[in-house]
PDB file of N, CA and C in Angstrom:
ATOM      1  N   MET A   1      16.893  -6.061  21.120  1.00  0.00           N
ATOM      2  CA  MET A   1      16.881  -6.992  20.006  1.00  0.00           C
ATOM      3  C   MET A   1      18.141  -7.845  20.080  1.00  0.00           C
ATOM      4  N   ASN A   2      17.973  -9.165  19.995  1.00  0.00           N
ATOM      5  CA  ASN A   2      19.154 -10.025  19.998  1.00  0.00           C
ATOM      6  C   ASN A   2      19.412 -10.570  18.600  1.00  0.00           C
ATOM      7  N   ASP A   3      20.408 -11.438  18.472  1.00  0.00           N
ATOM      8  CA  ASP A   3      20.809 -11.940  17.155  1.00  0.00           C
ATOM      9  C   ASP A   3      19.737 -12.775  16.470  1.00  0.00           C
ATOM     10  N   HIS A   4      18.766 -13.279  17.213  1.00  0.00           N
ATOM     11  CA  HIS A   4      17.755 -14.158  16.638  1.00  0.00           C
ATOM     12  C   HIS A   4      16.471 -13.431  16.264  1.00  0.00           C
ATOM     13  N   ASP A   5      16.317 -12.189  16.691  1.00  0.00           N
ATOM     14  CA  ASP A   5      15.123 -11.420  16.362  1.00  0.00           C
ATOM     15  C   ASP A   5      15.232 -10.886  14.943  1.00  0.00           C
ATOM     16  N   PRO A   6      14.184 -11.076  14.137  1.00  0.00           N
ATOM     17  CA  PRO A   6      14.238 -10.502  12.793  1.00  0.00           C
ATOM     18  C   PRO A   6      14.106  -8.981  12.877  1.00  0.00           C
ATOM     19  N   LEU A   7      14.662  -8.316  11.885  1.00  0.00           N
ATOM     20  CA  LEU A   7      14.529  -6.868  11.831  1.00  0.00           C
ATOM     21  C   LEU A   7      13.076  -6.514  11.545  1.00  0.00           C
ATOM     22  N   PRO A   8      12.600  -5.415  12.108  1.00  0.00           N
ATOM     23  CA  PRO A   8      11.221  -5.017  11.797  1.00  0.00           C
ATOM     24  C   PRO A   8      11.123  -4.607  10.332  1.00  0.00           C
ATOM     25  N   ARG A   9       9.990  -4.839   9.752  1.00  0.00           N
ATOM     26  CA  ARG A   9       9.768  -4.490   8.353  1.00  0.00           C
ATOM     27  C   ARG A   9       9.548  -2.984   8.256  1.00  0.00           C
ATOM     28  N   LEU A  10      10.330  -2.318   7.431  1.00  0.00           N
ATOM     29  CA  LEU A  10      10.270  -0.866   7.303  1.00  0.00           C
ATOM     30  C   LEU A  10       9.600  -0.408   6.012  1.00  0.00           C
ATOM     31  N   LEU A  11       9.615  -1.265   4.987  1.00  0.00           N
ATOM     32  CA  LEU A  11       9.075  -0.919   3.680  1.00  0.00           C
ATOM     33  C   LEU A  11       8.110  -1.998   3.212  1.00  0.00           C
ATOM     34  N   VAL A  12       7.077  -1.577   2.489  1.00  0.00           N
ATOM     35  CA  VAL A  12       6.150  -2.522   1.871  1.00  0.00           C
ATOM     36  C   VAL A  12       5.935  -2.116   0.422  1.00  0.00           C
ATOM     37  N   SER A  13       5.458  -3.042  -0.374  1.00  0.00           N
ATOM     38  CA  SER A  13       5.157  -2.723  -1.769  1.00  0.00           C
ATOM     39  C   SER A  13       3.921  -1.828  -1.817  1.00  0.00           C
ATOM     40  N   VAL A  14       3.694  -1.219  -2.965  1.00  0.00           N
ATOM     41  CA  VAL A  14       2.510  -0.380  -3.127  1.00  0.00           C
ATOM     42  C   VAL A  14       1.254  -1.238  -2.965  1.00  0.00           C
ATOM     43  N   THR A  15       1.292  -2.464  -3.461  1.00  0.00           N
ATOM     44  CA  THR A  15       0.150  -3.370  -3.325  1.00  0.00           C
ATOM     45  C   THR A  15      -0.130  -3.664  -1.853  1.00  0.00           C
ATOM     46  N   GLU A  16       0.911  -3.928  -1.081  1.00  0.00           N
ATOM     47  CA  GLU A  16       0.732  -4.192   0.348  1.00  0.00           C
ATOM     48  C   GLU A  16       0.241  -2.949   1.081  1.00  0.00           C
ATOM     49  N   ALA A  17       0.748  -1.786   0.694  1.00  0.00           N
ATOM     50  CA  ALA A  17       0.282  -0.537   1.303  1.00  0.00           C
ATOM     51  C   ALA A  17      -1.200  -0.332   1.010  1.00  0.00           C
ATOM     52  N   ALA A  18      -1.605  -0.602  -0.237  1.00  0.00           N
ATOM     53  CA  ALA A  18      -3.007  -0.470  -0.621  1.00  0.00           C
ATOM     54  C   ALA A  18      -3.879  -1.406   0.205  1.00  0.00           C
ATOM     55  N   GLN A  19      -3.424  -2.630   0.381  1.00  0.00           N
ATOM     56  CA  GLN A  19      -4.182  -3.594   1.172  1.00  0.00           C
ATOM     57  C   GLN A  19      -4.309  -3.136   2.620  1.00  0.00           C
ATOM     58  N   SER A  20      -3.230  -2.605   3.174  1.00  0.00           N
ATOM     59  CA  SER A  20      -3.280  -2.173   4.571  1.00  0.00           C
ATOM     60  C   SER A  20      -4.174  -0.954   4.760  1.00  0.00           C
ATOM     61  N   LEU A  21      -4.307  -0.136   3.705  1.00  0.00           N
ATOM     62  CA  LEU A  21      -5.182   1.046   3.755  1.00  0.00           C
ATOM     63  C   LEU A  21      -6.599   0.743   3.269  1.00  0.00           C
ATOM     64  N   ASN A  22      -6.792  -0.485   2.798  1.00  0.00           N
ATOM     65  CA  ASN A  22      -8.094  -0.911   2.272  1.00  0.00           C
ATOM     66  C   ASN A  22      -8.540  -0.037   1.092  1.00  0.00           C
ATOM     67  N   ILE A  23      -7.580   0.228   0.184  1.00  0.00           N
ATOM     68  CA  ILE A  23      -7.853   0.977  -1.040  1.00  0.00           C
ATOM     69  C   ILE A  23      -7.340   0.152  -2.217  1.00  0.00           C
ATOM     70  N   SER A  24      -7.705   0.561  -3.418  1.00  0.00           N
ATOM     71  CA  SER A  24      -7.238  -0.171  -4.597  1.00  0.00           C
ATOM     72  C   SER A  24      -5.764   0.134  -4.868  1.00  0.00           C
ATOM     73  N   ARG A  25      -5.137  -0.773  -5.591  1.00  0.00           N
ATOM     74  CA  ARG A  25      -3.734  -0.592  -5.964  1.00  0.00           C
ATOM     75  C   ARG A  25      -3.577   0.658  -6.834  1.00  0.00           C
ATOM     76  N   SER A  26      -4.511   0.874  -7.754  1.00  0.00           N
ATOM     77  CA  SER A  26      -4.407   2.039  -8.635  1.00  0.00           C
ATOM     78  C   SER A  26      -4.554   3.340  -7.846  1.00  0.00           C
ATOM     79  N   TYR A  27      -5.431   3.355  -6.839  1.00  0.00           N
ATOM     80  CA  TYR A  27      -5.575   4.558  -6.018  1.00  0.00           C
ATOM     81  C   TYR A  27      -4.315   4.789  -5.185  1.00  0.00           C
ATOM     82  N   ALA A  28      -3.680   3.714  -4.734  1.00  0.00           N
ATOM     83  CA  ALA A  28      -2.417   3.862  -3.998  1.00  0.00           C
ATOM     84  C   ALA A  28      -1.361   4.504  -4.898  1.00  0.00           C
ATOM     85  N   TYR A  29      -1.304   4.097  -6.171  1.00  0.00           N
ATOM     86  CA  TYR A  29      -0.364   4.718  -7.103  1.00  0.00           C
ATOM     87  C   TYR A  29      -0.734   6.181  -7.373  1.00  0.00           C
ATOM     88  N   GLU A  30      -2.021   6.497  -7.376  1.00  0.00           N
ATOM     89  CA  GLU A  30      -2.442   7.896  -7.507  1.00  0.00           C
ATOM     90  C   GLU A  30      -1.936   8.720  -6.326  1.00  0.00           C
ATOM     91  N   LEU A  31      -2.025   8.162  -5.121  1.00  0.00           N
ATOM     92  CA  LEU A  31      -1.532   8.857  -3.930  1.00  0.00           C
ATOM     93  C   LEU A  31      -0.022   9.067  -4.012  1.00  0.00           C
ATOM     94  N   VAL A  32       0.690   8.080  -4.563  1.00  0.00           N
ATOM     95  CA  VAL A  32       2.144   8.213  -4.759  1.00  0.00           C
ATOM     96  C   VAL A  32       2.425   9.323  -5.766  1.00  0.00           C
ATOM     97  N   ALA A  33       1.715   9.307  -6.900  1.00  0.00           N
ATOM     98  CA  ALA A  33       1.935  10.313  -7.949  1.00  0.00           C
ATOM     99  C   ALA A  33       1.621  11.719  -7.454  1.00  0.00           C
ATOM    100  N   ALA A  34       0.633  11.838  -6.571  1.00  0.00           N
ATOM    101  CA  ALA A  34       0.242  13.146  -6.038  1.00  0.00           C
ATOM    102  C   ALA A  34       1.145  13.606  -4.905  1.00  0.00           C
ATOM    103  N   GLY A  35       2.067  12.746  -4.470  1.00  0.00           N
ATOM    104  CA  GLY A  35       2.970  13.110  -3.373  1.00  0.00           C
ATOM    105  C   GLY A  35       2.325  12.992  -2.011  1.00  0.00           C
ATOM    106  N   ILE A  36       1.159  12.378  -1.949  1.00  0.00           N
ATOM    107  CA  ILE A  36       0.465  12.207  -0.672  1.00  0.00           C
ATOM    108  C   ILE A  36       1.039  11.023   0.091  1.00  0.00           C
ATOM    109  N   LEU A  37       1.389   9.981  -0.627  1.00  0.00           N
ATOM    110  CA  LEU A  37       2.031   8.799  -0.055  1.00  0.00           C
ATOM    111  C   LEU A  37       3.445   8.776  -0.627  1.00  0.00           C
ATOM    112  N   VAL A  38       4.419   9.126   0.188  1.00  0.00           N
ATOM    113  CA  VAL A  38       5.791   9.335  -0.288  1.00  0.00           C
ATOM    114  C   VAL A  38       6.543   8.000  -0.351  1.00  0.00           C
ATOM    115  N   PRO A  39       6.991   7.604  -1.554  1.00  0.00           N
ATOM    116  CA  PRO A  39       7.671   6.324  -1.719  1.00  0.00           C
ATOM    117  C   PRO A  39       9.179   6.421  -1.546  1.00  0.00           C
ATOM    118  N   VAL A  40       9.789   5.255  -1.460  1.00  0.00           N
ATOM    119  CA  VAL A  40      11.238   5.100  -1.553  1.00  0.00           C
ATOM    120  C   VAL A  40      11.467   4.287  -2.812  1.00  0.00           C
ATOM    121  N   ARG A  41      12.329   4.757  -3.682  1.00  0.00           N
ATOM    122  CA  ARG A  41      12.603   4.032  -4.920  1.00  0.00           C
ATOM    123  C   ARG A  41      13.967   3.359  -4.797  1.00  0.00           C
ATOM    124  N   LEU A  42      13.965   2.050  -4.977  1.00  0.00           N
ATOM    125  CA  LEU A  42      15.194   1.258  -4.971  1.00  0.00           C
ATOM    126  C   LEU A  42      15.307   0.603  -6.339  1.00  0.00           C
ATOM    127  N   GLY A  43      16.108   1.223  -7.187  1.00  0.00           N
ATOM    128  CA  GLY A  43      16.154   0.770  -8.567  1.00  0.00           C
ATOM    129  C   GLY A  43      14.804   1.040  -9.209  1.00  0.00           C
ATOM    130  N   ARG A  44      14.186  -0.005  -9.754  1.00  0.00           N
ATOM    131  CA  ARG A  44      12.867   0.134 -10.373  1.00  0.00           C
ATOM    132  C   ARG A  44      11.735  -0.099  -9.379  1.00  0.00           C
ATOM    133  N   ARG A  45      12.068  -0.559  -8.192  1.00  0.00           N
ATOM    134  CA  ARG A  45      11.029  -0.863  -7.201  1.00  0.00           C
ATOM    135  C   ARG A  45      10.544   0.398  -6.517  1.00  0.00           C
ATOM    136  N   VAL A  46       9.241   0.461  -6.324  1.00  0.00           N
ATOM    137  CA  VAL A  46       8.617   1.561  -5.589  1.00  0.00           C
ATOM    138  C   VAL A  46       8.103   0.955  -4.295  1.00  0.00           C
ATOM    139  N   LEU A  47       8.681   1.389  -3.188  1.00  0.00           N
ATOM    140  CA  LEU A  47       8.310   0.854  -1.882  1.00  0.00           C
ATOM    141  C   LEU A  47       7.803   1.980  -0.993  1.00  0.00           C
ATOM    142  N   ILE A  48       6.903   1.631  -0.107  1.00  0.00           N
ATOM    143  CA  ILE A  48       6.299   2.613   0.782  1.00  0.00           C
ATOM    144  C   ILE A  48       6.787   2.355   2.199  1.00  0.00           C
ATOM    145  N   PRO A  49       7.385   3.353   2.841  1.00  0.00           N
ATOM    146  CA  PRO A  49       7.781   3.183   4.242  1.00  0.00           C
ATOM    147  C   PRO A  49       6.534   3.034   5.133  1.00  0.00           C
ATOM    148  N   ILE A  50       6.608   2.148   6.082  1.00  0.00           N
ATOM    149  CA  ILE A  50       5.520   1.990   7.047  1.00  0.00           C
ATOM    150  C   ILE A  50       5.242   3.338   7.712  1.00  0.00           C
ATOM    151  N   ALA A  51       6.295   4.101   7.983  1.00  0.00           N
ATOM    152  CA  ALA A  51       6.131   5.416   8.618  1.00  0.00           C
ATOM    153  C   ALA A  51       5.295   6.355   7.748  1.00  0.00           C
ATOM    154  N   ALA A  52       5.420   6.262   6.409  1.00  0.00           N
ATOM    155  CA  ALA A  52       4.633   7.116   5.517  1.00  0.00           C
ATOM    156  C   ALA A  52       3.152   6.753   5.591  1.00  0.00           C
ATOM    157  N   ILE A  53       2.861   5.456   5.725  1.00  0.00           N
ATOM    158  CA  ILE A  53       1.471   5.018   5.877  1.00  0.00           C
ATOM    159  C   ILE A  53       0.913   5.546   7.185  1.00  0.00           C
ATOM    160  N   GLU A  54       1.700   5.431   8.251  1.00  0.00           N
ATOM    161  CA  GLU A  54       1.253   5.916   9.560  1.00  0.00           C
ATOM    162  C   GLU A  54       1.041   7.424   9.550  1.00  0.00           C
ATOM    163  N   GLU A  55       1.931   8.171   8.872  1.00  0.00           N
ATOM    164  CA  GLU A  55       1.783   9.630   8.768  1.00  0.00           C
ATOM    165  C   GLU A  55       0.539  10.001   7.980  1.00  0.00           C
ATOM    166  N   LEU A  56       0.270   9.263   6.906  1.00  0.00           N
ATOM    167  CA  LEU A  56      -0.924   9.513   6.110  1.00  0.00           C
ATOM    168  C   LEU A  56      -2.176   9.339   6.962  1.00  0.00           C
ATOM    169  N   ILE A  57      -2.208   8.269   7.726  1.00  0.00           N
ATOM    170  CA  ILE A  57      -3.370   8.006   8.576  1.00  0.00           C
ATOM    171  C   ILE A  57      -3.484   9.055   9.671  1.00  0.00           C
ATOM    172  N   ALA A  58      -2.374   9.382  10.310  1.00  0.00           N
ATOM    173  CA  ALA A  58      -2.393  10.360  11.403  1.00  0.00           C
ATOM    174  C   ALA A  58      -2.782  11.746  10.906  1.00  0.00           C
ATOM    175  N   GLY A  59      -2.369  12.093   9.703  1.00  0.00           N
ATOM    176  CA  GLY A  59      -2.647  13.417   9.175  1.00  0.00           C
ATOM    177  C   GLY A  59      -3.965  13.533   8.433  1.00  0.00           C
ATOM    178  N   SER A  60      -4.629  12.404   8.235  1.00  0.00           N
ATOM    179  CA  SER A  60      -5.841  12.426   7.422  1.00  0.00           C
ATOM    180  C   SER A  60      -7.057  12.983   8.154  1.00  0.00           C
ATOM    181  N   LYS A  61      -7.073  12.860   9.471  1.00  0.00           N
ATOM    182  CA  LYS A  61      -8.214  13.310  10.273  1.00  0.00           C
ATOM    183  C   LYS A  61      -9.529  12.783   9.709  1.00  0.00           C
ATOM    184  N   GLY A  62      -9.486  11.512   9.246  1.00  0.00           N
ATOM    185  CA  GLY A  62     -10.684  10.856   8.766  1.00  0.00           C
ATOM    186  C   GLY A  62     -11.053  11.150   7.334  1.00  0.00           C
ATOM    187  N   ASN A  63     -10.166  11.831   6.578  1.00  0.00           N
ATOM    188  CA  ASN A  63     -10.499  12.199   5.211  1.00  0.00           C
ATOM    189  C   ASN A  63      -9.312  11.904   4.292  1.00  0.00           C
ATOM    190  N   LEU A  64      -9.423  10.881   3.448  1.00  0.00           N
ATOM    191  CA  LEU A  64      -8.358  10.532   2.517  1.00  0.00           C
ATOM    192  C   LEU A  64      -8.756  10.817   1.070  1.00  0.00           C
ATOM    193  N   THR A  65      -9.721  11.680   0.838  1.00  0.00           N
ATOM    194  CA  THR A  65     -10.132  11.968  -0.532  1.00  0.00           C
ATOM    195  C   THR A  65      -9.182  12.954  -1.182  1.00  0.00           C
ATOM    196  N   ASN A  66      -9.160  12.940  -2.507  1.00  0.00           N
ATOM    197  CA  ASN A  66      -8.303  13.881  -3.251  1.00  0.00           C
ATOM    198  C   ASN A  66      -8.895  15.260  -3.249  1.00  0.00           C
TER     199      ASN A  66
END
């Protein structure tokens, strides 16, 4: 990476995470509340690490139901 390359995006909003998982925003918040999708809290903001989304997908084995 040189001085002109932007840093990779590490965190997304819950809305963006929901969109990337093709689920509703409210269901994404349910996953956060259940501890299934682990957030990072910065002040009042709730952000989802890209790595947490990838772990959820990798660990789901095709099943994301509660």
